[in-house]
Amino acid sequence: MSNLESSGTPEPPHHGIASRIRTYFLTGLIVAGPVAITIWLVWSFVTWVDDLVRPFIPVAYRPETYLPIKVPGFGLIIAFVALTVLGFLTANLVGRTFVDIGEKILERVPIVRPIYRGLKQVFETLFSKSASSFRTVGLVEFPAPGMWSLVFLSTPPGADITQTLPSEHEYVSAFMPCTPNPTTGFFFYVLRRDVIELAISVEDAAKLLMSAGMIQPGGGGAEQQKKLAAMAETARAARAVRENEAAE
């Protein structure tokens, strides 16, 4: 009779040491990975600005001239101060006059003019307090009936574009980002009635896209399933309304 049979009870299974090491490694990776990537991105940005600004700083004013080590972030501080002073100077009449003269000169250069206009509009849209950016997340029925895609909504189209659009109903500007890189995608105008606005932030929608649906807004659980069911019901109701309008 074997020892197992004599004991009367089976021995409990033992987890191998390789399995435990794998679990510990993945746990450490989950903890350290985001921190390491964040530090690397910040450090890369700081060193990039330092390398960009350092050639414009006289050698006598550089900290490494008097210290045995290079001080990281000094160029970033100089860039911040310089841009702040530039904004202060252009806020008054004299500075505004010089800026207008510089813009008129750039407007007369054929190749530079369209590049400058486009970049100026982009920067005004992104950093101006009065400018509007992506603040609303919505769903549009794409690429096929019954399939819904996330879009970011911005401002309505301008008067020139509105006059050429076929429908008299209100349009909105929509950007449909791609997965897993939300900086690329498709931009189009869509009827506001064909968009289902969602009560989630742009940040949560970006996480949803970059993770290919693995990171759901609000986490998981029963509450999240209720939200998803409500979104699906809203989408079905919107499609039914459009089908009725088309039938009429």
Protein backbone atom coordinates (compact mmCIF):
# COMPACT_ATOMS: atom_id res chain seq x y z
CA MET A 1 0.00 0.00 0.00
CA SER A 2 1.37 3.40 -0.95
CA ASN A 3 1.84 6.24 1.48
CA LEU A 4 -1.00 8.15 -0.19
CA GLU A 5 -3.42 5.31 0.31
CA SER A 6 -2.35 4.81 3.91
CA SER A 7 -2.92 8.44 4.76
CA GLY A 8 -6.48 8.35 3.44
CA THR A 9 -6.42 11.94 2.12
CA PRO A 10 -4.77 13.25 -1.03
CA GLU A 11 -1.85 15.63 -0.68
CA PRO A 12 -2.69 19.27 -1.44
CA PRO A 13 -1.26 20.54 -4.71
CA HIS A 14 1.89 22.61 -4.42
CA HIS A 15 2.51 25.61 -6.64
CA GLY A 16 5.84 25.45 -8.36
CA ILE A 17 8.53 27.98 -7.61
CA ALA A 18 8.55 29.04 -11.28
CA SER A 19 4.86 29.99 -11.05
CA ARG A 20 5.48 32.07 -7.94
CA ILE A 21 8.42 33.84 -9.54
CA ARG A 22 6.29 34.61 -12.59
CA THR A 23 3.52 36.05 -10.38
CA TYR A 24 5.95 38.20 -8.42
CA PHE A 25 7.61 39.42 -11.62
CA LEU A 26 4.30 40.45 -13.22
CA THR A 27 3.23 42.20 -10.02
CA GLY A 28 6.48 44.14 -9.92
CA LEU A 29 6.13 44.97 -13.61
CA ILE A 30 2.62 46.36 -13.09
CA VAL A 31 3.85 48.54 -10.23
CA ALA A 32 7.12 49.74 -11.74
CA GLY A 33 6.17 49.91 -15.43
CA PRO A 34 3.95 53.02 -15.39
CA VAL A 35 6.34 54.82 -13.03
CA ALA A 36 9.38 54.05 -15.18
CA ILE A 37 7.69 55.09 -18.42
CA THR A 38 6.40 58.34 -16.85
CA ILE A 39 9.87 59.21 -15.54
CA TRP A 40 11.41 58.39 -18.93
CA LEU A 41 8.94 60.58 -20.82
CA VAL A 42 9.43 63.52 -18.44
CA TRP A 43 13.21 63.12 -18.52
CA SER A 44 13.22 62.91 -22.32
CA PHE A 45 11.17 66.11 -22.59
CA VAL A 46 13.38 67.99 -20.12
CA THR A 47 16.62 66.95 -21.84
CA TRP A 48 15.15 67.78 -25.27
CA VAL A 49 14.28 71.32 -24.14
CA ASP A 50 17.69 71.69 -22.46
CA ASP A 51 19.51 70.68 -25.64
CA LEU A 52 17.33 73.04 -27.66
CA VAL A 53 17.82 76.08 -25.41
CA ARG A 54 21.44 75.58 -24.25
CA PRO A 55 23.08 76.90 -27.49
CA PHE A 56 21.34 80.26 -26.94
CA ILE A 57 22.67 80.64 -23.37
CA PRO A 58 26.16 82.18 -23.06
CA VAL A 59 28.73 79.84 -21.57
CA ALA A 60 29.32 82.21 -18.66
CA TYR A 61 25.69 81.84 -17.55
CA ARG A 62 25.46 78.05 -17.75
CA PRO A 63 25.42 76.20 -14.41
CA GLU A 64 27.78 73.48 -15.67
CA THR A 65 30.46 76.14 -16.13
CA TYR A 66 30.72 76.44 -12.35
CA LEU A 67 29.45 73.03 -11.26
CA PRO A 68 30.99 69.61 -11.90
CA ILE A 69 27.67 68.25 -13.20
CA LYS A 70 25.10 69.34 -15.73
CA VAL A 71 21.94 70.72 -14.10
CA PRO A 72 18.87 69.14 -15.76
CA GLY A 73 15.89 71.39 -16.33
CA PHE A 74 17.82 74.66 -16.54
CA GLY A 75 16.93 75.06 -20.21
CA LEU A 76 13.29 74.32 -19.42
CA ILE A 77 13.26 77.08 -16.81
CA ILE A 78 14.85 79.53 -19.25
CA ALA A 79 12.31 78.60 -21.94
CA PHE A 80 9.41 79.09 -19.50
CA VAL A 81 10.70 82.50 -18.39
CA ALA A 82 11.38 83.59 -21.97
CA LEU A 83 7.92 82.60 -23.19
CA THR A 84 6.28 84.31 -20.20
CA VAL A 85 8.23 87.52 -20.84
CA LEU A 86 7.34 87.31 -24.54
CA GLY A 87 3.66 86.97 -23.67
CA PHE A 88 3.91 89.93 -21.30
CA LEU A 89 5.56 92.11 -23.93
CA THR A 90 3.07 91.23 -26.65
CA ALA A 91 0.14 91.98 -24.35
CA ASN A 92 0.78 95.75 -24.57
CA LEU A 93 0.39 98.05 -27.54
CA VAL A 94 4.08 98.27 -28.45
CA GLY A 95 4.61 94.51 -28.41
CA ARG A 96 1.41 93.94 -30.35
CA THR A 97 2.61 96.37 -32.99
CA PHE A 98 5.87 94.44 -33.48
CA VAL A 99 3.96 91.17 -33.69
CA ASP A 100 1.63 92.60 -36.32
CA ILE A 101 4.61 93.80 -38.35
CA GLY A 102 6.21 90.35 -38.15
CA GLU A 103 2.95 88.65 -39.20
CA LYS A 104 2.59 91.00 -42.19
CA ILE A 105 6.10 90.08 -43.30
CA LEU A 106 5.32 86.37 -43.04
CA GLU A 107 2.06 86.86 -44.93
CA ARG A 108 4.03 88.15 -47.92
CA VAL A 109 6.21 85.04 -48.22
CA PRO A 110 4.42 82.54 -50.53
CA ILE A 111 5.68 79.26 -49.05
CA VAL A 112 5.81 80.36 -45.41
CA ARG A 113 2.35 81.95 -45.39
CA PRO A 114 0.16 78.78 -45.44
CA ILE A 115 2.45 76.99 -42.97
CA TYR A 116 2.35 79.90 -40.52
CA ARG A 117 -1.43 80.31 -40.81
CA GLY A 118 -2.06 76.62 -40.16
CA LEU A 119 0.30 76.42 -37.18
CA LYS A 120 -1.12 79.60 -35.69
CA GLN A 121 -4.67 78.26 -35.85
CA VAL A 122 -3.59 74.96 -34.28
CA PHE A 123 -1.79 76.66 -31.39
CA GLU A 124 -4.65 79.09 -30.80
CA THR A 125 -7.09 76.18 -30.69
CA LEU A 126 -4.99 74.12 -28.30
CA PHE A 127 -3.78 76.79 -25.87
CA SER A 128 -6.21 79.70 -26.04
CA LYS A 129 -8.54 79.98 -23.07
CA SER A 130 -11.44 81.01 -25.28
CA ALA A 131 -10.83 78.31 -27.85
CA SER A 132 -12.81 75.13 -27.79
CA SER A 133 -11.27 71.67 -27.89
CA PHE A 134 -12.49 68.12 -27.57
CA ARG A 135 -14.82 68.16 -24.56
CA THR A 136 -17.55 65.71 -25.56
CA VAL A 137 -17.41 62.02 -26.41
CA GLY A 138 -20.03 60.45 -28.63
CA LEU A 139 -20.98 57.36 -30.61
CA VAL A 140 -21.62 57.20 -34.35
CA GLU A 141 -22.85 54.19 -36.31
CA PHE A 142 -19.72 53.15 -38.17
CA PRO A 143 -18.41 51.19 -40.09
CA ALA A 144 -21.64 49.22 -40.58
CA PRO A 145 -25.23 49.26 -39.24
CA GLY A 146 -25.30 48.04 -35.67
CA MET A 147 -21.58 48.83 -35.13
CA TRP A 148 -20.73 51.94 -33.10
CA SER A 149 -17.47 53.87 -32.88
CA LEU A 150 -16.23 56.45 -30.40
CA VAL A 151 -15.75 60.02 -31.65
CA PHE A 152 -14.57 63.25 -30.08
CA LEU A 153 -16.80 66.24 -30.79
CA SER A 154 -15.54 69.79 -31.21
CA THR A 155 -16.98 72.95 -32.72
CA PRO A 156 -19.72 73.13 -35.39
CA PRO A 157 -18.52 73.78 -38.95
CA GLY A 158 -18.02 77.34 -40.13
CA ALA A 159 -20.45 79.29 -42.23
CA ASP A 160 -18.69 78.51 -45.52
CA ILE A 161 -18.79 74.76 -44.91
CA THR A 162 -22.32 74.80 -43.49
CA GLN A 163 -23.66 76.34 -46.71
CA THR A 164 -22.26 73.47 -48.77
CA LEU A 165 -23.44 70.62 -46.54
CA PRO A 166 -26.52 68.86 -47.96
CA SER A 167 -28.79 68.85 -44.91
CA GLU A 168 -30.31 71.89 -43.21
CA HIS A 169 -30.03 70.25 -39.81
CA GLU A 170 -27.18 71.00 -37.40
CA TYR A 171 -23.78 69.41 -37.99
CA VAL A 172 -20.91 68.87 -35.58
CA SER A 173 -17.21 68.30 -36.15
CA ALA A 174 -16.20 64.76 -35.18
CA PHE A 175 -12.80 63.14 -34.88
CA MET A 176 -12.72 59.35 -34.87
CA PRO A 177 -9.41 58.18 -33.35
CA CYS A 178 -7.77 54.88 -34.18
CA THR A 179 -6.73 52.12 -31.80
CA PRO A 180 -4.22 51.94 -30.14
CA ASN A 181 -2.86 55.32 -31.30
CA PRO A 182 -5.59 57.94 -30.72
CA THR A 183 -3.51 60.69 -32.36
CA THR A 184 -4.41 59.31 -35.79
CA GLY A 185 -7.87 58.82 -37.19
CA PHE A 186 -10.58 60.34 -39.37
CA PHE A 187 -12.14 63.80 -39.26
CA PHE A 188 -15.61 64.41 -40.66
CA TYR A 189 -18.83 66.39 -40.22
CA VAL A 190 -21.86 64.48 -39.00
CA LEU A 191 -25.43 65.43 -38.17
CA ARG A 192 -25.83 66.08 -34.46
CA ARG A 193 -28.96 63.94 -34.39
CA ASP A 194 -26.88 60.97 -35.59
CA VAL A 195 -24.47 61.27 -32.64
CA ILE A 196 -25.13 59.75 -29.23
CA GLU A 197 -23.33 61.82 -26.61
CA LEU A 198 -21.78 59.87 -23.74
CA ALA A 199 -21.38 60.95 -20.13
CA ILE A 200 -17.68 60.03 -20.00
CA SER A 201 -14.61 62.24 -20.11
CA VAL A 202 -12.22 62.53 -23.04
CA GLU A 203 -9.47 61.03 -20.84
CA ASP A 204 -11.55 57.92 -20.11
CA ALA A 205 -12.40 57.55 -23.79
CA ALA A 206 -8.70 57.81 -24.70
CA LYS A 207 -7.85 55.07 -22.19
CA LEU A 208 -10.60 52.92 -23.67
CA LEU A 209 -9.20 53.37 -27.17
CA MET A 210 -5.53 52.89 -26.30
CA SER A 211 -6.26 49.70 -24.35
CA ALA A 212 -8.52 48.32 -27.12
CA GLY A 213 -11.44 48.11 -24.69
CA MET A 214 -9.57 46.45 -21.82
CA ILE A 215 -9.77 49.56 -19.59
CA GLN A 216 -13.45 50.45 -19.35
CA PRO A 217 -14.61 53.84 -18.00
CA GLY A 218 -15.52 53.54 -14.35
CA GLY A 219 -13.90 50.11 -13.93
CA GLY A 220 -15.72 46.81 -14.07
CA GLY A 221 -18.42 45.15 -12.09
CA ALA A 222 -22.19 45.18 -12.15
CA GLU A 223 -22.42 48.97 -12.24
CA GLN A 224 -20.28 49.10 -15.37
CA GLN A 225 -22.45 46.45 -17.04
CA LYS A 226 -25.51 48.58 -16.34
CA LYS A 227 -23.84 51.59 -18.00
CA LEU A 228 -22.92 49.54 -21.05
CA ALA A 229 -26.46 48.16 -21.27
CA ALA A 230 -27.86 51.71 -21.07
CA MET A 231 -25.51 52.85 -23.84
CA ALA A 232 -26.56 49.94 -26.03
CA GLU A 233 -30.24 50.68 -25.41
CA THR A 234 -29.71 54.33 -26.31
CA ALA A 235 -27.97 53.30 -29.53
CA ARG A 236 -30.82 50.96 -30.47
CA ALA A 237 -33.38 53.68 -29.78
CA ALA A 238 -31.47 56.19 -31.92
CA ARG A 239 -31.27 53.71 -34.79
CA ALA A 240 -35.00 53.02 -34.54
CA VAL A 241 -35.75 56.74 -34.74
CA ARG A 242 -33.62 57.10 -37.86
CA GLU A 243 -35.26 54.10 -39.49
CA ASN A 244 -38.70 55.58 -38.82
CA GLU A 245 -37.63 58.93 -40.27
CA ALA A 246 -36.27 57.19 -43.37
CA ALA A 247 -39.48 55.22 -43.81
CA GLU A 248 -41.58 58.38 -43.65
